[in-house]
PDB file of N, CA and C in Angstrom:
ATOM      1  N   MET A   1      11.003  71.404 -21.966  1.00  0.00           N
ATOM      2  CA  MET A   1       9.887  72.354 -21.552  1.00  0.00           C
ATOM      3  C   MET A   1       8.611  72.287 -22.356  1.00  0.00           C
ATOM      4  N   ILE A   2       7.437  72.120 -21.846  1.00  0.00           N
ATOM      5  CA  ILE A   2       6.248  72.060 -22.467  1.00  0.00           C
ATOM      6  C   ILE A   2       5.424  73.256 -22.170  1.00  0.00           C
ATOM      7  N   VAL A   3       5.010  73.678 -23.273  1.00  0.00           N
ATOM      8  CA  VAL A   3       4.052  74.912 -23.255  1.00  0.00           C
ATOM      9  C   VAL A   3       2.624  74.518 -23.504  1.00  0.00           C
ATOM     10  N   LYS A   4       1.648  74.888 -22.790  1.00  0.00           N
ATOM     11  CA  LYS A   4       0.506  74.706 -23.034  1.00  0.00           C
ATOM     12  C   LYS A   4      -0.447  75.879 -23.445  1.00  0.00           C
ATOM     13  N   GLU A   5      -1.167  76.005 -24.358  1.00  0.00           N
ATOM     14  CA  GLU A   5      -2.103  77.151 -24.813  1.00  0.00           C
ATOM     15  C   GLU A   5      -3.523  76.721 -24.571  1.00  0.00           C
ATOM     16  N   TYR A   6      -4.193  77.679 -23.956  1.00  0.00           N
ATOM     17  CA  TYR A   6      -5.676  77.498 -23.836  1.00  0.00           C
ATOM     18  C   TYR A   6      -6.265  78.548 -24.500  1.00  0.00           C
ATOM     19  N   TRP A   7      -7.105  78.269 -25.581  1.00  0.00           N
ATOM     20  CA  TRP A   7      -7.835  79.427 -26.102  1.00  0.00           C
ATOM     21  C   TRP A   7      -9.337  79.260 -25.880  1.00  0.00           C
ATOM     22  N   ARG A   8      -9.856  80.275 -25.293  1.00  0.00           N
ATOM     23  CA  ARG A   8     -11.319  80.257 -24.859  1.00  0.00           C
ATOM     24  C   ARG A   8     -12.036  81.392 -25.510  1.00  0.00           C
ATOM     25  N   SER A   9     -13.330  81.002 -25.902  1.00  0.00           N
ATOM     26  CA  SER A   9     -14.131  82.211 -26.235  1.00  0.00           C
ATOM     27  C   SER A   9     -14.626  83.078 -25.173  1.00  0.00           C
ATOM     28  N   PRO A  10     -15.255  84.240 -25.340  1.00  0.00           N
ATOM     29  CA  PRO A  10     -15.734  85.003 -23.976  1.00  0.00           C
ATOM     30  C   PRO A  10     -16.611  84.232 -23.164  1.00  0.00           C
ATOM     31  N   SER A  11     -17.467  83.281 -23.955  1.00  0.00           N
ATOM     32  CA  SER A  11     -18.365  82.461 -22.925  1.00  0.00           C
ATOM     33  C   SER A  11     -17.606  81.345 -22.290  1.00  0.00           C
ATOM     34  N   GLY A  12     -16.334  81.108 -22.549  1.00  0.00           N
ATOM     35  CA  GLY A  12     -15.528  79.970 -21.849  1.00  0.00           C
ATOM     36  C   GLY A  12     -15.487  78.855 -22.546  1.00  0.00           C
ATOM     37  N   GLU A  13     -16.025  78.618 -23.778  1.00  0.00           N
ATOM     38  CA  GLU A  13     -15.794  77.439 -24.706  1.00  0.00           C
ATOM     39  C   GLU A  13     -14.461  77.360 -25.033  1.00  0.00           C
ATOM     40  N   ALA A  14     -14.086  76.238 -25.205  1.00  0.00           N
ATOM     41  CA  ALA A  14     -12.651  76.069 -25.953  1.00  0.00           C
ATOM     42  C   ALA A  14     -12.849  76.301 -27.456  1.00  0.00           C
ATOM     43  N   MET A  15     -11.756  76.981 -27.885  1.00  0.00           N
ATOM     44  CA  MET A  15     -11.852  77.423 -29.272  1.00  0.00           C
ATOM     45  C   MET A  15     -10.708  76.548 -30.203  1.00  0.00           C
ATOM     46  N   LYS A  16      -9.886  75.926 -29.521  1.00  0.00           N
ATOM     47  CA  LYS A  16      -8.770  75.049 -30.068  1.00  0.00           C
ATOM     48  C   LYS A  16      -8.863  73.585 -29.737  1.00  0.00           C
ATOM     49  N   SER A  17      -8.425  72.800 -30.592  1.00  0.00           N
ATOM     50  CA  SER A  17      -8.284  71.458 -30.218  1.00  0.00           C
ATOM     51  C   SER A  17      -7.315  71.151 -29.063  1.00  0.00           C
ATOM     52  N   LEU A  18      -7.607  70.209 -28.202  1.00  0.00           N
ATOM     53  CA  LEU A  18      -6.548  69.878 -27.120  1.00  0.00           C
ATOM     54  C   LEU A  18      -5.314  69.275 -27.369  1.00  0.00           C
ATOM     55  N   GLN A  19      -5.443  68.651 -28.720  1.00  0.00           N
ATOM     56  CA  GLN A  19      -4.424  67.843 -29.276  1.00  0.00           C
ATOM     57  C   GLN A  19      -3.488  68.745 -30.254  1.00  0.00           C
ATOM     58  N   TRP A  20      -2.244  68.998 -29.824  1.00  0.00           N
ATOM     59  CA  TRP A  20      -1.516  70.008 -30.576  1.00  0.00           C
ATOM     60  C   TRP A  20      -0.387  69.371 -31.030  1.00  0.00           C
ATOM     61  N   ALA A  21      -0.238  68.143 -30.795  1.00  0.00           N
ATOM     62  CA  ALA A  21       0.945  67.473 -31.518  1.00  0.00           C
ATOM     63  C   ALA A  21       0.698  65.993 -31.579  1.00  0.00           C
ATOM     64  N   HIS A  22       1.072  65.472 -32.758  1.00  0.00           N
ATOM     65  CA  HIS A  22       0.978  64.230 -33.100  1.00  0.00           C
ATOM     66  C   HIS A  22       2.003  63.542 -33.740  1.00  0.00           C
ATOM     67  N   ILE A  23       2.355  62.189 -33.731  1.00  0.00           N
ATOM     68  CA  ILE A  23       3.375  61.510 -34.430  1.00  0.00           C
ATOM     69  C   ILE A  23       2.749  61.109 -35.927  1.00  0.00           C
ATOM     70  N   GLU A  24       3.655  61.756 -37.079  1.00  0.00           N
ATOM     71  CA  GLU A  24       3.147  61.601 -38.246  1.00  0.00           C
ATOM     72  C   GLU A  24       4.120  60.379 -39.007  1.00  0.00           C
ATOM     73  N   ALA A  25       5.132  60.007 -38.176  1.00  0.00           N
ATOM     74  CA  ALA A  25       6.002  58.942 -38.954  1.00  0.00           C
ATOM     75  C   ALA A  25       6.977  58.310 -37.656  1.00  0.00           C
ATOM     76  N   GLY A  26       7.080  57.078 -37.904  1.00  0.00           N
ATOM     77  CA  GLY A  26       8.028  56.501 -36.792  1.00  0.00           C
ATOM     78  C   GLY A  26       7.162  56.038 -35.521  1.00  0.00           C
ATOM     79  N   SER A  27       7.835  55.669 -34.549  1.00  0.00           N
ATOM     80  CA  SER A  27       7.080  55.003 -33.627  1.00  0.00           C
ATOM     81  C   SER A  27       7.122  56.040 -32.262  1.00  0.00           C
ATOM     82  N   ARG A  28       6.218  55.795 -31.386  1.00  0.00           N
ATOM     83  CA  ARG A  28       6.108  56.580 -30.191  1.00  0.00           C
ATOM     84  C   ARG A  28       7.400  56.357 -29.244  1.00  0.00           C
ATOM     85  N   SER A  29       7.957  55.214 -29.222  1.00  0.00           N
ATOM     86  CA  SER A  29       9.344  54.861 -28.216  1.00  0.00           C
ATOM     87  C   SER A  29      10.590  55.688 -29.122  1.00  0.00           C
ATOM     88  N   ALA A  30      10.477  55.796 -30.406  1.00  0.00           N
ATOM     89  CA  ALA A  30      11.580  56.609 -31.063  1.00  0.00           C
ATOM     90  C   ALA A  30      11.698  57.973 -30.632  1.00  0.00           C
ATOM     91  N   VAL A  31      10.209  58.546 -30.465  1.00  0.00           N
ATOM     92  CA  VAL A  31      10.081  60.113 -30.117  1.00  0.00           C
ATOM     93  C   VAL A  31      10.580  60.091 -28.656  1.00  0.00           C
ATOM     94  N   VAL A  32      10.074  59.174 -27.900  1.00  0.00           N
ATOM     95  CA  VAL A  32      10.499  59.262 -26.408  1.00  0.00           C
ATOM     96  C   VAL A  32      12.017  59.280 -26.109  1.00  0.00           C
ATOM     97  N   ASP A  33      12.557  58.234 -26.976  1.00  0.00           N
ATOM     98  CA  ASP A  33      14.226  58.131 -26.874  1.00  0.00           C
ATOM     99  C   ASP A  33      14.900  59.431 -27.381  1.00  0.00           C
ATOM    100  N   TRP A  34      14.293  60.124 -28.244  1.00  0.00           N
ATOM    101  CA  TRP A  34      14.807  61.408 -28.765  1.00  0.00           C
ATOM    102  C   TRP A  34      14.775  62.505 -27.860  1.00  0.00           C
ATOM    103  N   LEU A  35      13.435  62.625 -27.100  1.00  0.00           N
ATOM    104  CA  LEU A  35      13.297  63.567 -26.158  1.00  0.00           C
ATOM    105  C   LEU A  35      14.258  63.293 -24.996  1.00  0.00           C
ATOM    106  N   GLU A  36      14.384  62.209 -24.643  1.00  0.00           N
ATOM    107  CA  GLU A  36      15.371  61.954 -23.551  1.00  0.00           C
ATOM    108  C   GLU A  36      16.714  62.246 -23.963  1.00  0.00           C
ATOM    109  N   ARG A  37      17.239  61.994 -25.077  1.00  0.00           N
ATOM    110  CA  ARG A  37      18.568  62.503 -25.540  1.00  0.00           C
ATOM    111  C   ARG A  37      18.701  63.968 -25.443  1.00  0.00           C
ATOM    112  N   GLN A  38      17.683  64.657 -25.922  1.00  0.00           N
ATOM    113  CA  GLN A  38      17.622  66.039 -25.805  1.00  0.00           C
ATOM    114  C   GLN A  38      17.722  66.533 -24.447  1.00  0.00           C
ATOM    115  N   GLU A  39      17.196  65.903 -23.734  1.00  0.00           N
ATOM    116  CA  GLU A  39      16.969  66.361 -22.123  1.00  0.00           C
ATOM    117  C   GLU A  39      18.582  66.333 -21.381  1.00  0.00           C
ATOM    118  N   ARG A  40      19.049  65.022 -21.817  1.00  0.00           N
ATOM    119  CA  ARG A  40      20.349  64.773 -21.305  1.00  0.00           C
ATOM    120  C   ARG A  40      21.360  65.899 -21.846  1.00  0.00           C
ATOM    121  N   ARG A  41      21.075  66.191 -23.216  1.00  0.00           N
ATOM    122  CA  ARG A  41      22.235  67.242 -23.700  1.00  0.00           C
ATOM    123  C   ARG A  41      21.914  68.603 -23.247  1.00  0.00           C
ATOM    124  N   LEU A  42      20.612  68.944 -22.607  1.00  0.00           N
ATOM    125  CA  LEU A  42      20.511  70.286 -22.152  1.00  0.00           C
ATOM    126  C   LEU A  42      20.824  70.169 -20.643  1.00  0.00           C
ATOM    127  N   GLU A  43      20.815  69.132 -20.094  1.00  0.00           N
ATOM    128  CA  GLU A  43      21.406  69.053 -18.698  1.00  0.00           C
ATOM    129  C   GLU A  43      22.841  69.226 -18.541  1.00  0.00           C
ATOM    130  N   LYS A  44      23.582  68.786 -19.807  1.00  0.00           N
ATOM    131  CA  LYS A  44      24.951  68.792 -19.666  1.00  0.00           C
ATOM    132  C   LYS A  44      25.466  70.048 -20.283  1.00  0.00           C
ATOM    133  N   GLY A  45      24.492  71.017 -20.513  1.00  0.00           N
ATOM    134  CA  GLY A  45      24.824  72.368 -21.117  1.00  0.00           C
ATOM    135  C   GLY A  45      25.148  72.441 -22.664  1.00  0.00           C
ATOM    136  N   GLU A  46      25.101  71.521 -23.424  1.00  0.00           N
ATOM    137  CA  GLU A  46      25.475  71.509 -24.888  1.00  0.00           C
ATOM    138  C   GLU A  46      24.474  72.354 -25.687  1.00  0.00           C
TER     139      GLU A  46
END
């Protein structure tokens, strides 16, 4: 599940950065592999 938040001022200007997550260590492929494993676990009902 991915949740997106949009914070806007009354005038409609963005109040928050659009980048809400970033990798601090490791590789992008390792993160994608982990996400795919978690998805499979959720599909199995674990």
